[in-house]
């Protein structure tokens, strides 16, 4: 547990609803939160930043009614990751790699 937040991290997950976020939603947060993270432009439309929670929220209803729910969630995860990594000054080239299934397709 001690190592859990010893380095920068972006976490994502699913919230079934309750408390400050009454409805089911996907969420992401960065720790430590980089400056201007809350104001970063994230996708898809309908994703918002909750100052109370300190995280981005994508309501399940937005995903459920999207033309492509899978794409809506992927856009949310990718755009919040990019916001946190870029604003946090992460060395993305050292952290990111092409997934194996995409490398195999390229050959």
C-alpha atoms as a PDB file:
ATOM      1  CA  UNK A   1       0.000   0.000   0.000  1.00  0.00           C
ATOM      2  CA  UNK A   2       2.857   2.374   0.771  1.00  0.00           C
ATOM      3  CA  UNK A   3       3.946   2.333  -2.894  1.00  0.00           C
ATOM      4  CA  UNK A   4       0.435   2.901  -4.272  1.00  0.00           C
ATOM      5  CA  UNK A   5       0.775   6.669  -4.537  1.00  0.00           C
ATOM      6  CA  UNK A   6       4.554   7.049  -4.376  1.00  0.00           C
ATOM      7  CA  UNK A   7       4.610   8.057  -8.062  1.00  0.00           C
ATOM      8  CA  UNK A   8       2.251   9.896 -10.373  1.00  0.00           C
ATOM      9  CA  UNK A   9      -0.824   7.931 -11.334  1.00  0.00           C
ATOM     10  CA  UNK A  10      -3.995   8.268 -13.336  1.00  0.00           C
ATOM     11  CA  UNK A  11      -6.803   6.013 -12.169  1.00  0.00           C
ATOM     12  CA  UNK A  12     -10.060   5.164 -13.870  1.00  0.00           C
ATOM     13  CA  UNK A  13     -13.073   3.200 -12.819  1.00  0.00           C
ATOM     14  CA  UNK A  14     -16.797   2.760 -12.559  1.00  0.00           C
ATOM     15  CA  UNK A  15     -19.039   4.258  -9.884  1.00  0.00           C
ATOM     16  CA  UNK A  16     -22.475   2.659  -9.361  1.00  0.00           C
ATOM     17  CA  UNK A  17     -23.959   5.911  -8.071  1.00  0.00           C
ATOM     18  CA  UNK A  18     -24.542   7.391  -4.658  1.00  0.00           C
ATOM     19  CA  UNK A  19     -23.187  10.235  -2.591  1.00  0.00           C
ATOM     20  CA  UNK A  20     -21.838  13.219  -4.514  1.00  0.00           C
ATOM     21  CA  UNK A  21     -22.308  11.415  -7.855  1.00  0.00           C
ATOM     22  CA  UNK A  22     -25.891  10.223  -7.644  1.00  0.00           C
ATOM     23  CA  UNK A  23     -26.023   8.413 -10.990  1.00  0.00           C
ATOM     24  CA  UNK A  24     -23.787   5.614 -12.317  1.00  0.00           C
ATOM     25  CA  UNK A  25     -20.687   6.980 -14.029  1.00  0.00           C
ATOM     26  CA  UNK A  26     -17.163   6.331 -15.213  1.00  0.00           C
ATOM     27  CA  UNK A  27     -14.487   8.407 -13.489  1.00  0.00           C
ATOM     28  CA  UNK A  28     -10.811   9.310 -13.762  1.00  0.00           C
ATOM     29  CA  UNK A  29      -8.484  11.205 -11.475  1.00  0.00           C
ATOM     30  CA  UNK A  30      -4.800  12.058 -11.421  1.00  0.00           C
ATOM     31  CA  UNK A  31      -2.576  11.991  -8.352  1.00  0.00           C
ATOM     32  CA  UNK A  32      -0.987  14.292  -7.669  1.00  0.00           C
ATOM     33  CA  UNK A  33      -3.337  16.405  -9.705  1.00  0.00           C
ATOM     34  CA  UNK A  34      -1.311  18.509 -12.146  1.00  0.00           C
ATOM     35  CA  UNK A  35      -2.032  22.239 -12.490  1.00  0.00           C
ATOM     36  CA  UNK A  36      -4.932  23.032 -14.845  1.00  0.00           C
ATOM     37  CA  UNK A  37      -6.049  19.375 -14.965  1.00  0.00           C
ATOM     38  CA  UNK A  38      -9.598  20.338 -13.953  1.00  0.00           C
ATOM     39  CA  UNK A  39      -9.807  22.710 -16.920  1.00  0.00           C
ATOM     40  CA  UNK A  40      -8.457  20.280 -19.511  1.00  0.00           C
ATOM     41  CA  UNK A  41     -10.643  19.648 -22.549  1.00  0.00           C
ATOM     42  CA  UNK A  42     -11.811  16.044 -22.305  1.00  0.00           C
ATOM     43  CA  UNK A  43     -14.119  14.000 -24.481  1.00  0.00           C
ATOM     44  CA  UNK A  44     -16.788  12.994 -25.186  1.00  0.00           C
ATOM     45  CA  UNK A  45     -19.297  15.776 -24.781  1.00  0.00           C
ATOM     46  CA  UNK A  46     -20.988  15.235 -21.448  1.00  0.00           C
ATOM     47  CA  UNK A  47     -17.789  14.517 -19.516  1.00  0.00           C
ATOM     48  CA  UNK A  48     -17.285  17.029 -16.713  1.00  0.00           C
ATOM     49  CA  UNK A  49     -14.911  17.710 -13.859  1.00  0.00           C
ATOM     50  CA  UNK A  50     -16.323  17.436 -10.335  1.00  0.00           C
ATOM     51  CA  UNK A  51     -14.456  19.849  -8.086  1.00  0.00           C
ATOM     52  CA  UNK A  52     -16.121  18.199  -5.099  1.00  0.00           C
ATOM     53  CA  UNK A  53     -14.749  14.777  -6.052  1.00  0.00           C
ATOM     54  CA  UNK A  54     -11.528  15.964  -7.713  1.00  0.00           C
ATOM     55  CA  UNK A  55     -12.129  13.812 -10.766  1.00  0.00           C
ATOM     56  CA  UNK A  56     -13.605  13.727 -14.231  1.00  0.00           C
ATOM     57  CA  UNK A  57     -17.024  12.116 -14.505  1.00  0.00           C
ATOM     58  CA  UNK A  58     -18.661  10.546 -17.560  1.00  0.00           C
ATOM     59  CA  UNK A  59     -22.298   9.742 -16.766  1.00  0.00           C
ATOM     60  CA  UNK A  60     -23.420   6.254 -17.736  1.00  0.00           C
ATOM     61  CA  UNK A  61     -26.436   7.795 -19.457  1.00  0.00           C
ATOM     62  CA  UNK A  62     -24.084   9.661 -21.803  1.00  0.00           C
ATOM     63  CA  UNK A  63     -22.353   6.388 -22.640  1.00  0.00           C
ATOM     64  CA  UNK A  64     -25.591   4.417 -22.943  1.00  0.00           C
ATOM     65  CA  UNK A  65     -27.082   6.852 -25.442  1.00  0.00           C
ATOM     66  CA  UNK A  66     -23.897   7.397 -27.498  1.00  0.00           C
ATOM     67  CA  UNK A  67     -23.785   6.189 -31.097  1.00  0.00           C
ATOM     68  CA  UNK A  68     -20.871   3.985 -30.033  1.00  0.00           C
ATOM     69  CA  UNK A  69     -20.736   3.421 -26.269  1.00  0.00           C
ATOM     70  CA  UNK A  70     -17.341   1.695 -26.562  1.00  0.00           C
ATOM     71  CA  UNK A  71     -15.887   4.679 -28.411  1.00  0.00           C
ATOM     72  CA  UNK A  72     -17.359   7.099 -25.854  1.00  0.00           C
ATOM     73  CA  UNK A  73     -15.627   5.322 -22.967  1.00  0.00           C
ATOM     74  CA  UNK A  74     -12.370   5.020 -24.919  1.00  0.00           C
ATOM     75  CA  UNK A  75     -12.431   8.743 -25.762  1.00  0.00           C
ATOM     76  CA  UNK A  76     -12.973   9.540 -22.092  1.00  0.00           C
ATOM     77  CA  UNK A  77     -10.130   7.329 -20.910  1.00  0.00           C
ATOM     78  CA  UNK A  78      -7.708   8.501 -23.586  1.00  0.00           C
ATOM     79  CA  UNK A  79      -8.470  12.211 -23.269  1.00  0.00           C
ATOM     80  CA  UNK A  80      -8.173  12.223 -19.479  1.00  0.00           C
ATOM     81  CA  UNK A  81      -4.929  10.235 -19.657  1.00  0.00           C
ATOM     82  CA  UNK A  82      -3.468  12.678 -22.193  1.00  0.00           C
ATOM     83  CA  UNK A  83      -4.536  15.621 -20.025  1.00  0.00           C
ATOM     84  CA  UNK A  84      -2.925  14.198 -16.898  1.00  0.00           C
ATOM     85  CA  UNK A  85       0.238  12.953 -18.591  1.00  0.00           C
ATOM     86  CA  UNK A  86       0.858  16.109 -20.623  1.00  0.00           C
ATOM     87  CA  UNK A  87       0.022  18.564 -17.851  1.00  0.00           C
ATOM     88  CA  UNK A  88       2.040  16.488 -15.396  1.00  0.00           C
ATOM     89  CA  UNK A  89       5.074  16.540 -17.680  1.00  0.00           C
ATOM     90  CA  UNK A  90       5.290  12.751 -17.896  1.00  0.00           C
ATOM     91  CA  UNK A  91       7.832  11.151 -20.236  1.00  0.00           C
ATOM     92  CA  UNK A  92       5.125   9.527 -22.320  1.00  0.00           C
ATOM     93  CA  UNK A  93       7.538   7.962 -24.825  1.00  0.00           C
ATOM     94  CA  UNK A  94       9.117   6.006 -21.971  1.00  0.00           C
ATOM     95  CA  UNK A  95       5.747   4.941 -20.556  1.00  0.00           C
ATOM     96  CA  UNK A  96       3.660   4.055 -23.585  1.00  0.00           C
ATOM     97  CA  UNK A  97       3.890   1.174 -25.994  1.00  0.00           C
ATOM     98  CA  UNK A  98       1.799  -0.232 -28.792  1.00  0.00           C
ATOM     99  CA  UNK A  99      -0.411  -3.063 -27.484  1.00  0.00           C
ATOM    100  CA  UNK A 100       0.621  -6.547 -28.663  1.00  0.00           C
ATOM    101  CA  UNK A 101      -2.559  -7.080 -30.675  1.00  0.00           C
ATOM    102  CA  UNK A 102      -1.849  -3.901 -32.663  1.00  0.00           C
ATOM    103  CA  UNK A 103       1.803  -4.847 -33.234  1.00  0.00           C
ATOM    104  CA  UNK A 104       0.701  -8.216 -34.611  1.00  0.00           C
ATOM    105  CA  UNK A 105      -1.736  -6.540 -37.019  1.00  0.00           C
ATOM    106  CA  UNK A 106       1.059  -4.365 -38.419  1.00  0.00           C
ATOM    107  CA  UNK A 107       3.003  -7.424 -39.645  1.00  0.00           C
END
